[in-house]
């Protein structure tokens, strides 16, 4: 599907632009402060989407387990970005954005282990292409430093 490939490619370009610009800003004001502002802006935009008549609706969980899951999701989301930008200030934006590409691989592995999901041949090929690309990038960057 060309439309899906186009959207994925555009998402990749915007992700790279976000990481590079955000890493510089994160170094200037600190990873924690940056993430506070990022989360607050996200909350404002999300609330605006719910308040304005844009057709968004929210269904809150009815159980304590559901509420705990939403809280934990928010907590770990913010924590992951704080740690990501802290790491980016140490190893650089380019390397950290390359390592961020490993996240879908771990998500796929966890889905296989925990949920019993099976990947198609095409998905496995994509999995190994991403893994090989990241390995090659890291290996070449180590060779350049030597």
N, C-alpha and C. Protein backbone atom coordinates (compact mmCIF):
# COMPACT_ATOMS: atom_id res chain seq x y z
N UNK A 1 0.84 -1.17 0.00
CA UNK A 1 0.00 0.00 0.00
C UNK A 1 0.89 1.24 0.00
N UNK A 2 0.87 1.99 -1.08
CA UNK A 2 1.73 3.17 -1.21
C UNK A 2 1.36 4.26 -0.21
N UNK A 3 0.07 4.39 0.08
CA UNK A 3 -0.35 5.40 1.05
C UNK A 3 0.24 5.11 2.43
N UNK A 4 0.20 3.86 2.85
CA UNK A 4 0.78 3.47 4.14
C UNK A 4 2.28 3.71 4.18
N UNK A 5 2.97 3.38 3.09
CA UNK A 5 4.41 3.64 3.02
C UNK A 5 4.71 5.13 3.08
N UNK A 6 3.91 5.93 2.38
CA UNK A 6 4.10 7.38 2.39
C UNK A 6 3.90 7.94 3.79
N UNK A 7 2.84 7.53 4.46
CA UNK A 7 2.57 8.02 5.81
C UNK A 7 3.68 7.59 6.76
N UNK A 8 4.14 6.36 6.64
CA UNK A 8 5.24 5.87 7.49
C UNK A 8 6.51 6.66 7.25
N UNK A 9 6.82 6.93 5.99
CA UNK A 9 8.02 7.69 5.66
C UNK A 9 7.93 9.11 6.19
N UNK A 10 6.76 9.74 6.04
CA UNK A 10 6.58 11.10 6.57
C UNK A 10 6.70 11.10 8.09
N UNK A 11 6.14 10.08 8.73
CA UNK A 11 6.27 9.96 10.18
C UNK A 11 7.73 9.84 10.59
N UNK A 12 8.50 9.08 9.83
CA UNK A 12 9.93 8.94 10.11
C UNK A 12 10.64 10.28 9.98
N UNK A 13 10.35 11.03 8.92
CA UNK A 13 10.99 12.34 8.75
C UNK A 13 10.64 13.29 9.89
N UNK A 14 9.38 13.32 10.28
CA UNK A 14 8.97 14.20 11.38
C UNK A 14 9.57 13.73 12.70
N UNK A 15 9.70 12.42 12.89
CA UNK A 15 10.32 11.89 14.11
C UNK A 15 11.78 12.32 14.19
N UNK A 16 12.50 12.21 13.07
CA UNK A 16 13.90 12.62 13.05
C UNK A 16 14.03 14.11 13.33
N UNK A 17 13.19 14.92 12.68
CA UNK A 17 13.23 16.37 12.91
C UNK A 17 12.92 16.69 14.37
N UNK A 18 11.95 16.00 14.95
CA UNK A 18 11.61 16.23 16.35
C UNK A 18 12.77 15.86 17.26
N UNK A 19 13.38 14.71 17.03
CA UNK A 19 14.47 14.25 17.90
C UNK A 19 15.65 15.20 17.84
N UNK A 20 16.04 15.62 16.65
CA UNK A 20 17.21 16.49 16.51
C UNK A 20 16.96 17.84 17.17
N UNK A 21 15.82 18.46 16.89
CA UNK A 21 15.54 19.76 17.50
C UNK A 21 15.27 19.64 18.99
N UNK A 22 14.57 18.59 19.38
CA UNK A 22 14.25 18.42 20.80
C UNK A 22 15.48 18.08 21.61
N UNK A 23 16.42 17.34 21.04
CA UNK A 23 17.64 17.00 21.77
C UNK A 23 18.45 18.26 22.08
N UNK A 24 18.53 19.17 21.12
CA UNK A 24 19.24 20.43 21.36
C UNK A 24 18.55 21.24 22.46
N UNK A 25 17.24 21.34 22.38
CA UNK A 25 16.49 22.08 23.40
C UNK A 25 16.60 21.40 24.75
N UNK A 26 16.55 20.08 24.76
CA UNK A 26 16.66 19.33 26.00
C UNK A 26 18.01 19.55 26.68
N UNK A 27 19.06 19.68 25.88
CA UNK A 27 20.38 19.96 26.46
C UNK A 27 20.41 21.35 27.08
N UNK A 28 19.71 22.30 26.48
CA UNK A 28 19.72 23.67 26.98
C UNK A 28 18.94 23.82 28.28
N UNK A 29 17.74 23.24 28.33
CA UNK A 29 16.89 23.47 29.50
C UNK A 29 16.80 22.27 30.43
N UNK A 30 17.36 21.13 30.03
CA UNK A 30 17.32 19.92 30.85
C UNK A 30 16.21 18.99 30.40
N UNK A 31 16.48 17.70 30.51
CA UNK A 31 15.54 16.69 30.02
C UNK A 31 14.22 16.71 30.80
N UNK A 32 14.30 16.89 32.11
CA UNK A 32 13.08 16.88 32.92
C UNK A 32 12.21 18.08 32.61
N UNK A 33 12.81 19.26 32.52
CA UNK A 33 12.05 20.47 32.21
C UNK A 33 11.44 20.38 30.82
N UNK A 34 12.21 19.90 29.87
CA UNK A 34 11.71 19.75 28.51
C UNK A 34 10.49 18.84 28.48
N UNK A 35 10.58 17.71 29.17
CA UNK A 35 9.46 16.77 29.18
C UNK A 35 8.25 17.30 29.91
N UNK A 36 8.46 18.13 30.93
CA UNK A 36 7.33 18.77 31.60
C UNK A 36 6.58 19.64 30.60
N UNK A 37 7.31 20.46 29.87
CA UNK A 37 6.66 21.33 28.88
C UNK A 37 6.02 20.52 27.75
N UNK A 38 6.70 19.49 27.29
CA UNK A 38 6.17 18.65 26.23
C UNK A 38 4.87 17.98 26.67
N UNK A 39 4.84 17.47 27.88
CA UNK A 39 3.63 16.81 28.40
C UNK A 39 2.51 17.81 28.63
N UNK A 40 2.84 18.99 29.14
CA UNK A 40 1.80 20.00 29.37
C UNK A 40 1.19 20.47 28.05
N UNK A 41 2.02 20.70 27.05
CA UNK A 41 1.50 21.11 25.74
C UNK A 41 0.63 20.00 25.16
N UNK A 42 1.06 18.76 25.30
CA UNK A 42 0.26 17.64 24.82
C UNK A 42 -1.08 17.56 25.53
N UNK A 43 -1.08 17.79 26.85
CA UNK A 43 -2.35 17.76 27.60
C UNK A 43 -3.27 18.89 27.17
N UNK A 44 -2.72 20.07 26.93
CA UNK A 44 -3.53 21.20 26.49
C UNK A 44 -4.17 20.89 25.13
N UNK A 45 -3.37 20.37 24.20
CA UNK A 45 -3.91 20.04 22.87
C UNK A 45 -4.94 18.92 22.95
N UNK A 46 -4.69 17.93 23.78
CA UNK A 46 -5.65 16.84 23.94
C UNK A 46 -6.96 17.35 24.54
N UNK A 47 -6.86 18.17 25.57
CA UNK A 47 -8.07 18.73 26.18
C UNK A 47 -8.82 19.63 25.21
N UNK A 48 -8.08 20.39 24.40
CA UNK A 48 -8.74 21.22 23.39
C UNK A 48 -9.49 20.35 22.40
N UNK A 49 -8.90 19.21 22.05
CA UNK A 49 -9.57 18.29 21.14
C UNK A 49 -10.86 17.73 21.71
N UNK A 50 -10.90 17.55 23.02
CA UNK A 50 -12.11 17.03 23.65
C UNK A 50 -13.15 18.12 23.89
N UNK A 51 -12.69 19.34 24.17
CA UNK A 51 -13.62 20.43 24.46
C UNK A 51 -14.26 20.96 23.18
N UNK A 52 -13.45 21.14 22.14
CA UNK A 52 -13.98 21.64 20.87
C UNK A 52 -14.82 20.56 20.21
N UNK A 53 -15.79 20.96 19.41
CA UNK A 53 -16.65 19.96 18.76
C UNK A 53 -15.96 19.30 17.55
N UNK A 54 -14.92 18.50 17.83
CA UNK A 54 -14.17 17.85 16.76
C UNK A 54 -14.52 16.37 16.62
N UNK A 55 -15.43 15.89 17.45
CA UNK A 55 -15.86 14.50 17.35
C UNK A 55 -15.06 13.52 18.20
N UNK A 56 -14.15 14.02 19.04
CA UNK A 56 -13.40 13.13 19.93
C UNK A 56 -14.29 12.75 21.10
N UNK A 57 -14.12 11.55 21.58
CA UNK A 57 -14.80 11.16 22.80
C UNK A 57 -13.85 10.33 23.64
N UNK A 58 -14.07 10.33 24.93
CA UNK A 58 -13.20 9.59 25.84
C UNK A 58 -14.07 8.67 26.69
N UNK A 59 -13.62 7.45 26.84
CA UNK A 59 -14.29 6.48 27.69
C UNK A 59 -13.34 6.12 28.82
N UNK A 60 -13.65 6.57 30.00
CA UNK A 60 -12.80 6.30 31.15
C UNK A 60 -13.07 4.90 31.68
N UNK A 61 -12.05 4.26 32.26
CA UNK A 61 -12.26 2.91 32.79
C UNK A 61 -13.19 2.94 34.00
N UNK A 62 -13.89 1.85 34.19
CA UNK A 62 -14.83 1.75 35.31
C UNK A 62 -14.24 1.01 36.50
N UNK A 63 -13.07 0.43 36.35
CA UNK A 63 -12.46 -0.34 37.43
C UNK A 63 -11.18 0.33 37.91
N UNK A 64 -10.76 -0.04 39.12
CA UNK A 64 -9.50 0.48 39.65
C UNK A 64 -8.31 -0.01 38.83
N UNK A 65 -8.40 -1.22 38.32
CA UNK A 65 -7.31 -1.75 37.48
C UNK A 65 -7.15 -0.92 36.22
N UNK A 66 -8.24 -0.53 35.61
CA UNK A 66 -8.19 0.31 34.41
C UNK A 66 -7.61 1.68 34.72
N UNK A 67 -8.02 2.26 35.84
CA UNK A 67 -7.48 3.57 36.24
C UNK A 67 -5.99 3.47 36.53
N UNK A 68 -5.57 2.40 37.20
CA UNK A 68 -4.16 2.19 37.48
C UNK A 68 -3.37 2.02 36.18
N UNK A 69 -3.94 1.32 35.22
CA UNK A 69 -3.28 1.12 33.93
C UNK A 69 -3.08 2.45 33.21
N UNK A 70 -4.07 3.32 33.23
CA UNK A 70 -3.94 4.63 32.60
C UNK A 70 -2.88 5.46 33.31
N UNK A 71 -2.89 5.45 34.64
CA UNK A 71 -1.89 6.20 35.40
C UNK A 71 -0.48 5.67 35.11
N UNK A 72 -0.32 4.34 35.12
CA UNK A 72 1.00 3.74 34.86
C UNK A 72 1.46 4.05 33.44
N UNK A 73 0.54 4.02 32.50
CA UNK A 73 0.88 4.35 31.12
C UNK A 73 1.42 5.77 31.03
N UNK A 74 0.75 6.72 31.65
CA UNK A 74 1.21 8.10 31.64
C UNK A 74 2.55 8.26 32.34
N UNK A 75 2.70 7.62 33.48
CA UNK A 75 3.95 7.71 34.24
C UNK A 75 5.12 7.16 33.43
N UNK A 76 4.96 5.98 32.87
CA UNK A 76 6.06 5.38 32.11
C UNK A 76 6.31 6.09 30.79
N UNK A 77 5.28 6.69 30.22
CA UNK A 77 5.46 7.48 29.00
C UNK A 77 6.36 8.67 29.28
N UNK A 78 6.04 9.41 30.33
CA UNK A 78 6.85 10.58 30.68
C UNK A 78 8.25 10.15 31.08
N UNK A 79 8.36 9.09 31.87
CA UNK A 79 9.67 8.60 32.30
C UNK A 79 10.52 8.17 31.10
N UNK A 80 9.90 7.53 30.13
CA UNK A 80 10.67 7.09 28.95
C UNK A 80 11.22 8.27 28.18
N UNK A 81 10.44 9.35 28.04
CA UNK A 81 10.95 10.52 27.32
C UNK A 81 12.03 11.24 28.12
N UNK A 82 11.87 11.32 29.43
CA UNK A 82 12.91 11.95 30.26
C UNK A 82 14.22 11.19 30.09
N UNK A 83 14.17 9.88 30.21
CA UNK A 83 15.38 9.07 30.08
C UNK A 83 15.93 9.12 28.66
N UNK A 84 15.06 9.16 27.67
CA UNK A 84 15.52 9.24 26.28
C UNK A 84 16.32 10.51 26.05
N UNK A 85 15.78 11.65 26.46
CA UNK A 85 16.49 12.91 26.21
C UNK A 85 17.69 13.08 27.12
N UNK A 86 17.66 12.49 28.29
CA UNK A 86 18.86 12.48 29.13
C UNK A 86 19.96 11.68 28.43
N UNK A 87 19.59 10.53 27.89
CA UNK A 87 20.55 9.73 27.13
C UNK A 87 21.02 10.43 25.87
N UNK A 88 20.11 11.16 25.20
CA UNK A 88 20.48 11.89 23.99
C UNK A 88 21.51 12.96 24.29
N UNK A 89 21.42 13.55 25.47
CA UNK A 89 22.42 14.57 25.83
C UNK A 89 23.78 13.94 26.10
N UNK A 90 23.80 12.64 26.40
CA UNK A 90 25.06 11.95 26.68
C UNK A 90 25.65 11.36 25.40
N UNK A 91 24.84 10.65 24.60
CA UNK A 91 25.38 9.96 23.42
C UNK A 91 25.10 10.68 22.11
N UNK A 92 24.32 11.74 22.13
CA UNK A 92 24.03 12.49 20.92
C UNK A 92 22.68 12.13 20.31
N UNK A 93 22.12 13.10 19.59
CA UNK A 93 20.78 12.92 19.03
C UNK A 93 20.74 11.87 17.93
N UNK A 94 21.77 11.82 17.09
CA UNK A 94 21.76 10.87 15.98
C UNK A 94 21.77 9.44 16.49
N UNK A 95 22.67 9.16 17.40
CA UNK A 95 22.77 7.80 17.92
C UNK A 95 21.52 7.41 18.71
N UNK A 96 21.00 8.33 19.51
CA UNK A 96 19.81 8.00 20.31
C UNK A 96 18.59 7.79 19.42
N UNK A 97 18.48 8.54 18.33
CA UNK A 97 17.34 8.32 17.43
C UNK A 97 17.47 7.00 16.70
N UNK A 98 18.71 6.59 16.39
CA UNK A 98 18.90 5.26 15.79
C UNK A 98 18.52 4.16 16.78
N UNK A 99 18.94 4.33 18.03
CA UNK A 99 18.61 3.32 19.03
C UNK A 99 17.11 3.29 19.34
N UNK A 100 16.43 4.42 19.13
CA UNK A 100 14.99 4.45 19.34
C UNK A 100 14.27 3.56 18.34
N UNK A 101 14.92 3.28 17.22
CA UNK A 101 14.33 2.39 16.22
C UNK A 101 14.24 0.95 16.72
N UNK A 102 14.92 0.64 17.82
CA UNK A 102 14.87 -0.71 18.39
C UNK A 102 13.55 -0.93 19.13
N UNK A 103 12.90 0.13 19.54
CA UNK A 103 11.68 0.01 20.34
C UNK A 103 10.60 -0.85 19.68
N UNK A 104 10.29 -0.65 18.38
CA UNK A 104 9.29 -1.54 17.77
C UNK A 104 9.72 -3.01 17.73
N UNK A 105 11.03 -3.24 17.66
CA UNK A 105 11.51 -4.62 17.67
C UNK A 105 11.22 -5.28 19.01
N UNK A 106 11.49 -4.54 20.10
CA UNK A 106 11.19 -5.08 21.43
C UNK A 106 9.68 -5.25 21.62
N UNK A 107 8.90 -4.32 21.08
CA UNK A 107 7.44 -4.44 21.18
C UNK A 107 6.97 -5.70 20.46
N UNK A 108 7.55 -5.98 19.29
CA UNK A 108 7.18 -7.19 18.55
C UNK A 108 7.58 -8.44 19.32
N UNK A 109 8.78 -8.44 19.89
CA UNK A 109 9.21 -9.60 20.67
C UNK A 109 8.33 -9.82 21.90
N UNK A 110 7.98 -8.73 22.58
CA UNK A 110 7.09 -8.86 23.74
C UNK A 110 5.71 -9.36 23.33
N UNK A 111 5.22 -8.90 22.16
CA UNK A 111 3.92 -9.38 21.68
C UNK A 111 3.97 -10.87 21.37
N UNK A 112 5.10 -11.33 20.85
CA UNK A 112 5.25 -12.76 20.57
C UNK A 112 5.28 -13.55 21.87
N UNK A 113 6.06 -13.07 22.84
CA UNK A 113 6.23 -13.80 24.10
C UNK A 113 4.99 -13.72 24.98
N UNK A 114 4.47 -12.52 25.18
CA UNK A 114 3.38 -12.33 26.14
C UNK A 114 1.99 -12.56 25.56
N UNK A 115 1.80 -12.23 24.29
CA UNK A 115 0.46 -12.31 23.71
C UNK A 115 0.29 -13.45 22.72
N UNK A 116 1.38 -14.15 22.43
CA UNK A 116 1.30 -15.25 21.49
C UNK A 116 1.08 -14.82 20.05
N UNK A 117 1.39 -13.56 19.74
CA UNK A 117 1.21 -13.05 18.38
C UNK A 117 2.27 -13.64 17.46
N UNK A 118 1.90 -13.90 16.24
CA UNK A 118 2.84 -14.43 15.25
C UNK A 118 3.08 -13.38 14.18
N UNK A 119 4.34 -13.26 13.75
CA UNK A 119 4.69 -12.32 12.69
C UNK A 119 4.66 -13.04 11.35
N UNK A 120 4.26 -12.30 10.32
CA UNK A 120 4.29 -12.86 8.97
C UNK A 120 5.72 -12.85 8.45
N UNK A 121 5.93 -13.50 7.33
CA UNK A 121 7.27 -13.53 6.72
C UNK A 121 7.73 -12.10 6.40
N UNK A 122 6.84 -11.28 5.87
CA UNK A 122 7.18 -9.90 5.55
C UNK A 122 7.57 -9.13 6.80
N UNK A 123 6.85 -9.34 7.89
CA UNK A 123 7.17 -8.65 9.14
C UNK A 123 8.52 -9.10 9.69
N UNK A 124 8.82 -10.40 9.58
CA UNK A 124 10.13 -10.89 10.03
C UNK A 124 11.25 -10.29 9.17
N UNK A 125 11.02 -10.17 7.87
CA UNK A 125 12.03 -9.56 7.00
C UNK A 125 12.27 -8.12 7.42
N UNK A 126 11.20 -7.37 7.66
CA UNK A 126 11.33 -5.99 8.14
C UNK A 126 12.04 -5.92 9.47
N UNK A 127 11.72 -6.85 10.36
CA UNK A 127 12.35 -6.92 11.68
C UNK A 127 13.87 -7.03 11.52
N UNK A 128 14.31 -7.97 10.68
CA UNK A 128 15.75 -8.18 10.51
C UNK A 128 16.42 -7.07 9.71
N UNK A 129 15.70 -6.41 8.81
CA UNK A 129 16.27 -5.26 8.11
C UNK A 129 16.57 -4.14 9.09
N UNK A 130 15.61 -3.85 9.97
CA UNK A 130 15.82 -2.80 10.97
C UNK A 130 16.96 -3.18 11.91
N UNK A 131 16.95 -4.41 12.39
CA UNK A 131 18.00 -4.87 13.31
C UNK A 131 19.38 -4.80 12.65
N UNK A 132 19.48 -5.24 11.41
CA UNK A 132 20.76 -5.20 10.69
C UNK A 132 21.21 -3.77 10.44
N UNK A 133 20.28 -2.89 10.12
CA UNK A 133 20.63 -1.48 9.88
C UNK A 133 21.18 -0.83 11.14
N UNK A 134 20.53 -1.08 12.26
CA UNK A 134 20.99 -0.49 13.52
C UNK A 134 22.35 -1.06 13.91
N UNK A 135 22.53 -2.36 13.74
CA UNK A 135 23.82 -2.99 14.04
C UNK A 135 24.92 -2.39 13.15
N UNK A 136 24.64 -2.24 11.85
CA UNK A 136 25.63 -1.68 10.93
C UNK A 136 25.98 -0.25 11.30
N UNK A 137 24.97 0.54 11.65
CA UNK A 137 25.21 1.93 12.04
C UNK A 137 26.11 1.98 13.27
N UNK A 138 25.78 1.18 14.28
CA UNK A 138 26.57 1.18 15.51
C UNK A 138 27.99 0.67 15.26
N UNK A 139 28.11 -0.37 14.46
CA UNK A 139 29.42 -0.94 14.16
C UNK A 139 30.29 0.06 13.40
N UNK A 140 29.70 0.75 12.42
CA UNK A 140 30.45 1.75 11.66
C UNK A 140 30.81 2.95 12.50
N UNK A 141 29.94 3.35 13.43
CA UNK A 141 30.26 4.50 14.28
C UNK A 141 31.39 4.16 15.25
N UNK A 142 31.45 2.90 15.70
CA UNK A 142 32.56 2.48 16.57
C UNK A 142 33.86 2.45 15.78
N UNK A 143 33.81 1.97 14.53
CA UNK A 143 35.01 1.93 13.68
C UNK A 143 35.52 3.33 13.37
N UNK A 144 34.62 4.30 13.19
CA UNK A 144 35.04 5.67 12.91
C UNK A 144 35.74 6.30 14.10
N UNK A 145 35.34 5.92 15.32
CA UNK A 145 35.96 6.48 16.53
C UNK A 145 37.35 5.91 16.77
N UNK A 146 37.61 4.70 16.26
CA UNK A 146 38.90 4.03 16.50
C UNK A 146 40.04 4.65 15.74
